N, C-alpha and C. Protein backbone atom coordinates (compact mmCIF):
# COMPACT_ATOMS: atom_id res chain seq x y z
N MET A 1 0.84 -1.17 0.00
CA MET A 1 0.00 0.00 0.00
C MET A 1 0.90 1.25 0.00
N ARG A 2 0.61 2.16 -0.89
CA ARG A 2 1.35 3.40 -1.01
C ARG A 2 0.92 4.37 0.09
N ILE A 3 1.89 5.02 0.70
CA ILE A 3 1.56 6.02 1.72
C ILE A 3 1.28 7.34 1.02
N THR A 4 0.07 7.82 1.19
CA THR A 4 -0.32 9.11 0.64
C THR A 4 -0.28 10.15 1.76
N PRO A 5 -0.22 11.43 1.42
CA PRO A 5 -0.25 12.45 2.47
C PRO A 5 -1.47 12.32 3.38
N ARG A 6 -2.62 12.02 2.81
CA ARG A 6 -3.84 11.88 3.62
C ARG A 6 -3.75 10.69 4.57
N ARG A 7 -3.30 9.54 4.06
CA ARG A 7 -3.17 8.35 4.91
C ARG A 7 -2.18 8.58 6.04
N LEU A 8 -1.08 9.24 5.73
CA LEU A 8 -0.09 9.49 6.77
C LEU A 8 -0.64 10.43 7.83
N ALA A 9 -1.37 11.46 7.43
CA ALA A 9 -1.96 12.40 8.39
C ALA A 9 -2.93 11.69 9.32
N VAL A 10 -3.79 10.86 8.77
CA VAL A 10 -4.76 10.11 9.59
C VAL A 10 -4.02 9.13 10.50
N GLY A 11 -3.07 8.41 9.93
CA GLY A 11 -2.30 7.44 10.71
C GLY A 11 -1.53 8.07 11.85
N MET A 12 -0.91 9.22 11.59
CA MET A 12 -0.16 9.91 12.64
C MET A 12 -1.09 10.46 13.72
N SER A 13 -2.28 10.89 13.35
CA SER A 13 -3.24 11.38 14.35
C SER A 13 -3.75 10.25 15.23
N LEU A 14 -3.86 9.03 14.67
CA LEU A 14 -4.35 7.88 15.42
C LEU A 14 -3.24 7.11 16.14
N TRP A 15 -2.00 7.42 15.82
CA TRP A 15 -0.85 6.78 16.46
C TRP A 15 -0.94 7.07 17.95
N ILE A 16 -0.84 6.05 18.77
CA ILE A 16 -1.10 6.15 20.21
C ILE A 16 -0.37 7.32 20.89
N PRO A 17 0.95 7.51 20.67
CA PRO A 17 1.59 8.65 21.35
C PRO A 17 0.97 10.01 21.00
N ASN A 18 0.51 10.18 19.77
CA ASN A 18 -0.13 11.44 19.38
C ASN A 18 -1.58 11.49 19.86
N LEU A 19 -2.29 10.39 19.69
CA LEU A 19 -3.71 10.35 20.04
C LEU A 19 -3.95 10.74 21.49
N PHE A 20 -3.17 10.17 22.39
CA PHE A 20 -3.36 10.45 23.81
C PHE A 20 -2.61 11.68 24.29
N SER A 21 -1.92 12.35 23.39
CA SER A 21 -1.23 13.60 23.73
C SER A 21 -1.96 14.82 23.19
N GLY A 22 -3.11 14.60 22.57
CA GLY A 22 -3.87 15.72 22.02
C GLY A 22 -3.29 16.27 20.73
N ILE A 23 -2.39 15.53 20.09
CA ILE A 23 -1.74 15.98 18.86
C ILE A 23 -2.53 15.47 17.66
N ARG A 24 -2.88 16.39 16.76
CA ARG A 24 -3.63 16.03 15.55
C ARG A 24 -2.89 16.56 14.33
N VAL A 25 -2.65 15.68 13.38
CA VAL A 25 -2.02 16.09 12.13
C VAL A 25 -3.13 16.53 11.20
N ARG A 26 -3.17 17.80 10.88
CA ARG A 26 -4.23 18.34 10.03
C ARG A 26 -3.99 18.05 8.56
N GLY A 27 -2.74 17.80 8.19
CA GLY A 27 -2.50 17.41 6.81
C GLY A 27 -1.08 17.63 6.35
N PHE A 28 -0.75 16.88 5.30
CA PHE A 28 0.49 17.05 4.54
C PHE A 28 0.08 17.51 3.16
N SER A 29 0.85 18.40 2.55
CA SER A 29 0.54 18.82 1.18
C SER A 29 0.83 17.66 0.22
N ALA A 30 0.18 17.70 -0.93
CA ALA A 30 0.32 16.62 -1.92
C ALA A 30 1.76 16.44 -2.40
N ASP A 31 2.54 17.52 -2.39
CA ASP A 31 3.93 17.45 -2.85
C ASP A 31 4.93 17.25 -1.69
N TRP A 32 4.42 16.99 -0.50
CA TRP A 32 5.22 16.73 0.70
C TRP A 32 6.10 17.92 1.09
N THR A 33 5.73 19.13 0.74
CA THR A 33 6.52 20.30 1.14
C THR A 33 6.01 20.94 2.42
N GLN A 34 4.79 20.61 2.84
CA GLN A 34 4.21 21.25 4.02
C GLN A 34 3.42 20.27 4.87
N ALA A 35 3.34 20.60 6.16
CA ALA A 35 2.50 19.85 7.10
C ALA A 35 1.97 20.82 8.15
N VAL A 36 0.79 20.53 8.66
CA VAL A 36 0.19 21.32 9.73
C VAL A 36 -0.21 20.37 10.85
N VAL A 37 0.25 20.70 12.07
CA VAL A 37 -0.01 19.86 13.24
C VAL A 37 -0.58 20.74 14.35
N GLN A 38 -1.57 20.21 15.07
CA GLN A 38 -2.17 20.96 16.17
C GLN A 38 -2.08 20.17 17.48
N LEU A 39 -1.97 20.92 18.56
CA LEU A 39 -1.98 20.36 19.91
C LEU A 39 -3.17 20.97 20.64
N HIS A 40 -4.05 20.11 21.11
CA HIS A 40 -5.21 20.56 21.88
C HIS A 40 -4.84 20.49 23.36
N VAL A 41 -4.73 21.66 23.98
CA VAL A 41 -4.36 21.71 25.40
C VAL A 41 -5.59 21.33 26.22
N ASN A 42 -5.47 20.23 26.96
CA ASN A 42 -6.58 19.73 27.79
C ASN A 42 -6.02 19.17 29.09
N VAL A 43 -6.84 18.53 29.85
CA VAL A 43 -6.44 18.01 31.16
C VAL A 43 -5.26 17.05 31.07
N PHE A 44 -5.09 16.36 29.94
CA PHE A 44 -3.99 15.41 29.78
C PHE A 44 -2.72 16.06 29.24
N THR A 45 -2.82 17.23 28.62
CA THR A 45 -1.67 17.84 27.95
C THR A 45 -1.23 19.14 28.59
N ARG A 46 -1.82 19.48 29.71
CA ARG A 46 -1.41 20.73 30.36
C ARG A 46 -0.53 20.43 31.56
N ASN A 47 0.17 21.45 32.00
CA ASN A 47 1.08 21.30 33.12
C ASN A 47 0.42 21.74 34.43
N TYR A 48 1.21 21.88 35.46
CA TYR A 48 0.71 22.22 36.79
C TYR A 48 -0.05 23.55 36.83
N VAL A 49 0.36 24.51 35.98
CA VAL A 49 -0.30 25.82 35.97
C VAL A 49 -1.32 25.95 34.84
N LYS A 50 -1.74 24.81 34.31
CA LYS A 50 -2.83 24.70 33.33
C LYS A 50 -2.54 25.35 31.98
N THR A 51 -1.26 25.34 31.59
CA THR A 51 -0.89 25.75 30.23
C THR A 51 -0.26 24.55 29.55
N ALA A 52 0.05 24.67 28.27
CA ALA A 52 0.57 23.53 27.51
C ALA A 52 1.86 22.99 28.14
N PHE A 53 1.90 21.70 28.34
CA PHE A 53 3.09 21.00 28.82
C PHE A 53 4.17 21.11 27.75
N GLY A 54 5.37 21.53 28.15
CA GLY A 54 6.46 21.71 27.19
C GLY A 54 6.80 20.45 26.42
N GLY A 55 6.72 19.30 27.08
CA GLY A 55 6.99 18.03 26.40
C GLY A 55 6.00 17.75 25.29
N SER A 56 4.75 18.17 25.47
CA SER A 56 3.74 17.99 24.43
C SER A 56 4.04 18.89 23.23
N MET A 57 4.51 20.12 23.51
CA MET A 57 4.86 21.02 22.41
C MET A 57 6.07 20.49 21.65
N GLN A 58 7.03 19.91 22.37
CA GLN A 58 8.19 19.32 21.70
C GLN A 58 7.74 18.12 20.86
N ALA A 59 6.87 17.28 21.43
CA ALA A 59 6.39 16.09 20.73
C ALA A 59 5.62 16.44 19.46
N MET A 60 4.88 17.54 19.48
CA MET A 60 4.08 17.90 18.31
C MET A 60 4.94 18.31 17.13
N THR A 61 6.23 18.59 17.38
CA THR A 61 7.12 19.00 16.29
C THR A 61 8.13 17.92 15.93
N ASP A 62 8.11 16.80 16.63
CA ASP A 62 9.18 15.80 16.52
C ASP A 62 9.44 15.28 15.11
N PRO A 63 8.56 14.55 14.47
CA PRO A 63 9.00 13.88 13.24
C PRO A 63 8.69 14.59 11.93
N TYR A 64 8.11 15.76 11.94
CA TYR A 64 7.51 16.28 10.71
C TYR A 64 8.50 16.84 9.70
N PHE A 65 9.55 17.54 10.13
CA PHE A 65 10.55 17.97 9.16
C PHE A 65 11.22 16.74 8.55
N PHE A 66 11.57 15.78 9.40
CA PHE A 66 12.17 14.53 8.94
C PHE A 66 11.29 13.85 7.88
N MET A 67 9.99 13.77 8.14
CA MET A 67 9.08 13.12 7.20
C MET A 67 8.98 13.87 5.88
N LEU A 68 8.91 15.19 5.94
CA LEU A 68 8.84 15.98 4.70
C LEU A 68 10.10 15.79 3.87
N VAL A 69 11.25 15.80 4.52
CA VAL A 69 12.52 15.60 3.81
C VAL A 69 12.57 14.19 3.22
N MET A 70 12.23 13.19 4.02
CA MET A 70 12.29 11.80 3.58
C MET A 70 11.39 11.55 2.37
N HIS A 71 10.16 12.04 2.42
CA HIS A 71 9.24 11.79 1.31
C HIS A 71 9.65 12.53 0.04
N GLN A 72 10.25 13.70 0.18
CA GLN A 72 10.70 14.41 -1.02
C GLN A 72 11.96 13.79 -1.62
N LEU A 73 12.87 13.32 -0.77
CA LEU A 73 14.11 12.72 -1.28
C LEU A 73 13.88 11.34 -1.89
N GLY A 74 12.99 10.57 -1.32
CA GLY A 74 12.75 9.22 -1.83
C GLY A 74 13.58 8.17 -1.13
N ARG A 75 13.52 6.96 -1.64
CA ARG A 75 14.10 5.78 -0.97
C ARG A 75 15.61 5.65 -1.08
N ASP A 76 16.26 6.51 -1.85
CA ASP A 76 17.71 6.39 -2.03
C ASP A 76 18.52 7.10 -0.94
N TYR A 77 17.85 7.58 0.09
CA TYR A 77 18.52 8.35 1.14
C TYR A 77 18.15 7.84 2.52
N VAL A 78 19.13 7.91 3.43
CA VAL A 78 18.89 7.65 4.84
C VAL A 78 18.56 9.01 5.46
N VAL A 79 17.44 9.10 6.17
CA VAL A 79 17.03 10.36 6.78
C VAL A 79 16.65 10.09 8.24
N TRP A 80 17.22 10.88 9.15
CA TRP A 80 16.92 10.74 10.57
C TRP A 80 16.71 12.11 11.19
N ASP A 81 15.87 12.15 12.19
CA ASP A 81 15.70 13.34 13.03
C ASP A 81 16.73 13.19 14.14
N THR A 82 17.68 14.12 14.25
CA THR A 82 18.78 13.92 15.18
C THR A 82 18.75 14.78 16.43
N ARG A 83 18.15 15.97 16.33
CA ARG A 83 18.23 16.88 17.47
C ARG A 83 17.10 17.90 17.40
N GLY A 84 16.70 18.39 18.55
CA GLY A 84 15.67 19.41 18.59
C GLY A 84 15.92 20.42 19.69
N GLU A 85 15.50 21.65 19.43
CA GLU A 85 15.60 22.73 20.42
C GLU A 85 14.28 23.46 20.44
N ILE A 86 13.86 23.92 21.61
CA ILE A 86 12.62 24.68 21.70
C ILE A 86 12.84 25.86 22.65
N GLU A 87 12.35 27.01 22.24
CA GLU A 87 12.40 28.21 23.06
C GLU A 87 10.97 28.59 23.39
N PHE A 88 10.61 28.50 24.66
CA PHE A 88 9.25 28.84 25.09
C PHE A 88 9.17 30.35 25.30
N LEU A 89 8.22 30.99 24.64
CA LEU A 89 8.10 32.45 24.69
C LEU A 89 6.98 32.94 25.58
N THR A 90 5.86 32.23 25.57
CA THR A 90 4.70 32.61 26.36
C THR A 90 3.88 31.36 26.64
N PRO A 91 3.09 31.32 27.70
CA PRO A 91 2.30 30.12 27.99
C PRO A 91 1.32 29.79 26.86
N GLY A 92 1.22 28.52 26.53
CA GLY A 92 0.32 28.07 25.48
C GLY A 92 -1.01 27.62 26.04
N ARG A 93 -2.08 28.14 25.46
CA ARG A 93 -3.43 27.77 25.89
C ARG A 93 -4.29 27.48 24.67
N GLY A 94 -5.31 26.65 24.85
CA GLY A 94 -6.24 26.36 23.75
C GLY A 94 -5.64 25.43 22.73
N VAL A 95 -5.85 25.73 21.46
CA VAL A 95 -5.32 24.91 20.37
C VAL A 95 -4.06 25.59 19.84
N LEU A 96 -2.95 24.85 19.85
CA LEU A 96 -1.68 25.36 19.35
C LEU A 96 -1.40 24.75 17.99
N THR A 97 -0.79 25.52 17.10
CA THR A 97 -0.55 25.06 15.73
C THR A 97 0.91 25.24 15.35
N ALA A 98 1.47 24.23 14.69
CA ALA A 98 2.81 24.30 14.11
C ALA A 98 2.69 24.01 12.62
N ARG A 99 3.30 24.87 11.81
CA ARG A 99 3.31 24.69 10.35
C ARG A 99 4.75 24.41 9.92
N PHE A 100 4.90 23.34 9.17
CA PHE A 100 6.22 22.91 8.71
C PHE A 100 6.31 23.12 7.21
N HIS A 101 7.43 23.67 6.75
CA HIS A 101 7.60 23.92 5.33
C HIS A 101 9.03 23.58 4.92
N VAL A 102 9.16 22.70 3.94
CA VAL A 102 10.45 22.34 3.37
C VAL A 102 10.32 22.47 1.86
N PRO A 103 10.74 23.62 1.29
CA PRO A 103 10.56 23.83 -0.15
C PRO A 103 11.41 22.89 -1.00
N ALA A 104 10.94 22.61 -2.19
CA ALA A 104 11.63 21.71 -3.12
C ALA A 104 13.05 22.20 -3.42
N GLU A 105 13.26 23.51 -3.45
CA GLU A 105 14.59 24.07 -3.72
C GLU A 105 15.58 23.68 -2.62
N ARG A 106 15.11 23.64 -1.41
CA ARG A 106 15.99 23.25 -0.30
C ARG A 106 16.33 21.77 -0.40
N ILE A 107 15.38 20.97 -0.83
CA ILE A 107 15.62 19.53 -1.03
C ILE A 107 16.66 19.32 -2.13
N ALA A 108 16.57 20.11 -3.21
CA ALA A 108 17.55 20.01 -4.29
C ALA A 108 18.96 20.31 -3.77
N ASP A 109 19.08 21.31 -2.90
CA ASP A 109 20.36 21.66 -2.30
C ASP A 109 20.87 20.53 -1.40
N ILE A 110 20.00 19.95 -0.60
CA ILE A 110 20.38 18.83 0.27
C ILE A 110 20.81 17.64 -0.57
N ARG A 111 20.07 17.35 -1.62
CA ARG A 111 20.40 16.23 -2.51
C ARG A 111 21.79 16.43 -3.12
N ALA A 112 22.09 17.64 -3.56
CA ALA A 112 23.40 17.94 -4.15
C ALA A 112 24.52 17.77 -3.12
N ARG A 113 24.30 18.23 -1.91
CA ARG A 113 25.32 18.13 -0.86
C ARG A 113 25.51 16.70 -0.39
N ALA A 114 24.48 15.86 -0.50
CA ALA A 114 24.56 14.46 -0.06
C ALA A 114 25.10 13.53 -1.15
N ALA A 115 25.31 14.07 -2.34
CA ALA A 115 25.79 13.25 -3.46
C ALA A 115 27.11 12.57 -3.10
N GLY A 116 27.24 11.32 -3.49
CA GLY A 116 28.46 10.58 -3.22
C GLY A 116 28.57 10.04 -1.80
N GLY A 117 27.50 10.15 -1.04
CA GLY A 117 27.49 9.59 0.31
C GLY A 117 27.88 10.56 1.41
N ALA A 118 27.98 11.85 1.08
CA ALA A 118 28.33 12.84 2.10
C ALA A 118 27.22 12.96 3.14
N LYS A 119 27.63 13.18 4.39
CA LYS A 119 26.69 13.37 5.49
C LYS A 119 26.24 14.83 5.50
N VAL A 120 24.92 15.04 5.57
CA VAL A 120 24.36 16.39 5.63
C VAL A 120 23.55 16.51 6.92
N LEU A 121 23.85 17.54 7.70
CA LEU A 121 23.06 17.88 8.88
C LEU A 121 22.41 19.22 8.60
N GLU A 122 21.10 19.23 8.55
CA GLU A 122 20.35 20.43 8.14
C GLU A 122 19.37 20.84 9.24
N TRP A 123 19.40 22.11 9.61
CA TRP A 123 18.47 22.65 10.61
C TRP A 123 17.25 23.23 9.94
N PHE A 124 16.09 22.99 10.56
CA PHE A 124 14.82 23.55 10.10
C PHE A 124 14.17 24.25 11.28
N GLU A 125 13.40 25.30 10.98
CA GLU A 125 12.77 26.08 12.05
C GLU A 125 11.28 26.27 11.78
N THR A 126 10.53 26.33 12.87
CA THR A 126 9.11 26.66 12.79
C THR A 126 8.70 27.35 14.09
N GLU A 127 7.49 27.83 14.10
CA GLU A 127 6.94 28.46 15.30
C GLU A 127 5.65 27.74 15.68
N ILE A 128 5.38 27.72 16.97
CA ILE A 128 4.11 27.21 17.48
C ILE A 128 3.29 28.44 17.85
N THR A 129 2.08 28.53 17.31
CA THR A 129 1.22 29.68 17.57
C THR A 129 -0.06 29.25 18.26
N ASP A 130 -0.69 30.20 18.95
CA ASP A 130 -1.98 29.92 19.58
C ASP A 130 -3.11 30.33 18.65
N GLY A 131 -4.34 30.22 19.12
CA GLY A 131 -5.51 30.54 18.30
C GLY A 131 -5.56 31.97 17.81
N ALA A 132 -4.91 32.89 18.53
CA ALA A 132 -4.88 34.30 18.14
C ALA A 132 -3.70 34.62 17.21
N GLY A 133 -2.89 33.60 16.91
CA GLY A 133 -1.73 33.80 16.05
C GLY A 133 -0.48 34.26 16.78
N GLU A 134 -0.55 34.34 18.11
CA GLU A 134 0.61 34.74 18.90
C GLU A 134 1.61 33.58 18.96
N VAL A 135 2.89 33.91 18.80
CA VAL A 135 3.93 32.89 18.84
C VAL A 135 4.16 32.46 20.29
N VAL A 136 3.96 31.18 20.54
CA VAL A 136 4.10 30.59 21.86
C VAL A 136 5.51 30.02 22.05
N ALA A 137 6.07 29.45 20.97
CA ALA A 137 7.41 28.85 21.05
C ALA A 137 8.04 28.85 19.67
N ARG A 138 9.38 28.87 19.67
CA ARG A 138 10.15 28.70 18.44
C ARG A 138 10.86 27.36 18.54
N VAL A 139 10.84 26.62 17.45
CA VAL A 139 11.38 25.26 17.45
C VAL A 139 12.40 25.11 16.33
N ARG A 140 13.51 24.44 16.65
CA ARG A 140 14.51 24.07 15.64
C ARG A 140 14.68 22.56 15.70
N ARG A 141 14.76 21.93 14.52
CA ARG A 141 14.98 20.49 14.44
C ARG A 141 16.12 20.24 13.46
N GLU A 142 17.02 19.34 13.83
CA GLU A 142 18.11 18.98 12.94
C GLU A 142 17.80 17.64 12.29
N VAL A 143 18.01 17.57 10.98
CA VAL A 143 17.75 16.36 10.21
C VAL A 143 19.07 15.90 9.57
N TYR A 144 19.34 14.61 9.70
CA TYR A 144 20.52 13.97 9.11
C TYR A 144 20.11 13.35 7.78
N VAL A 145 20.92 13.57 6.74
CA VAL A 145 20.65 12.99 5.42
C VAL A 145 21.95 12.42 4.87
N ARG A 146 21.86 11.23 4.29
CA ARG A 146 22.99 10.64 3.59
C ARG A 146 22.45 9.75 2.48
N GLU A 147 23.10 9.80 1.33
CA GLU A 147 22.72 8.90 0.24
C GLU A 147 23.06 7.47 0.67
N LYS A 148 22.17 6.52 0.39
CA LYS A 148 22.42 5.13 0.79
C LYS A 148 23.65 4.58 0.08
N LYS A 149 24.38 3.72 0.79
CA LYS A 149 25.63 3.17 0.26
C LYS A 149 25.44 2.45 -1.07
N ARG A 150 24.35 1.73 -1.22
CA ARG A 150 24.12 1.00 -2.48
C ARG A 150 23.95 1.96 -3.65
N VAL A 151 23.40 3.13 -3.41
CA VAL A 151 23.21 4.13 -4.46
C VAL A 151 24.55 4.75 -4.82
N THR A 152 25.33 5.10 -3.80
CA THR A 152 26.65 5.68 -4.02
C THR A 152 27.53 4.70 -4.78
N ALA A 153 27.50 3.42 -4.38
CA ALA A 153 28.31 2.40 -5.04
C ALA A 153 27.89 2.19 -6.49
N ALA A 154 26.61 2.26 -6.77
CA ALA A 154 26.11 2.07 -8.14
C ALA A 154 26.53 3.21 -9.06
N LYS A 155 26.73 4.39 -8.51
CA LYS A 155 27.13 5.55 -9.31
C LYS A 155 28.62 5.53 -9.63
N ALA A 156 29.40 4.80 -8.80
CA ALA A 156 30.87 4.80 -8.96
C ALA A 156 31.32 4.00 -10.15
């Protein structure tokens, strides 16, 4: 079965760690350049002072840059999410939204730098906003990319 953007969004929303954390994947674009994820702050996802738990905000951003890169590059590359940073700016309440964007031009650059099996570590950034559009947190994620050895060997 082929993984489509719609199937992946539904599957990720129903995936137990997301489902019980209030994380909902609203969608991936058809060309795998964008994703939208929401966190519903509720009794299970809030902290002691009744705002969004920082771990939930980190979790809502965890795999999405990696997935966008992986689906755009295709099966000839190893792609991993290696590191993440989050800067909390203001307490998060209600429904929080993170929008992920990895343009095709950036993928072309990553593909060129990974040619021949070179290791590429690429940082991506997004913001988490509340219902009023106020930035609640800034997030950075590092993605590791390398062309698979069998592909590099076949080109030699």
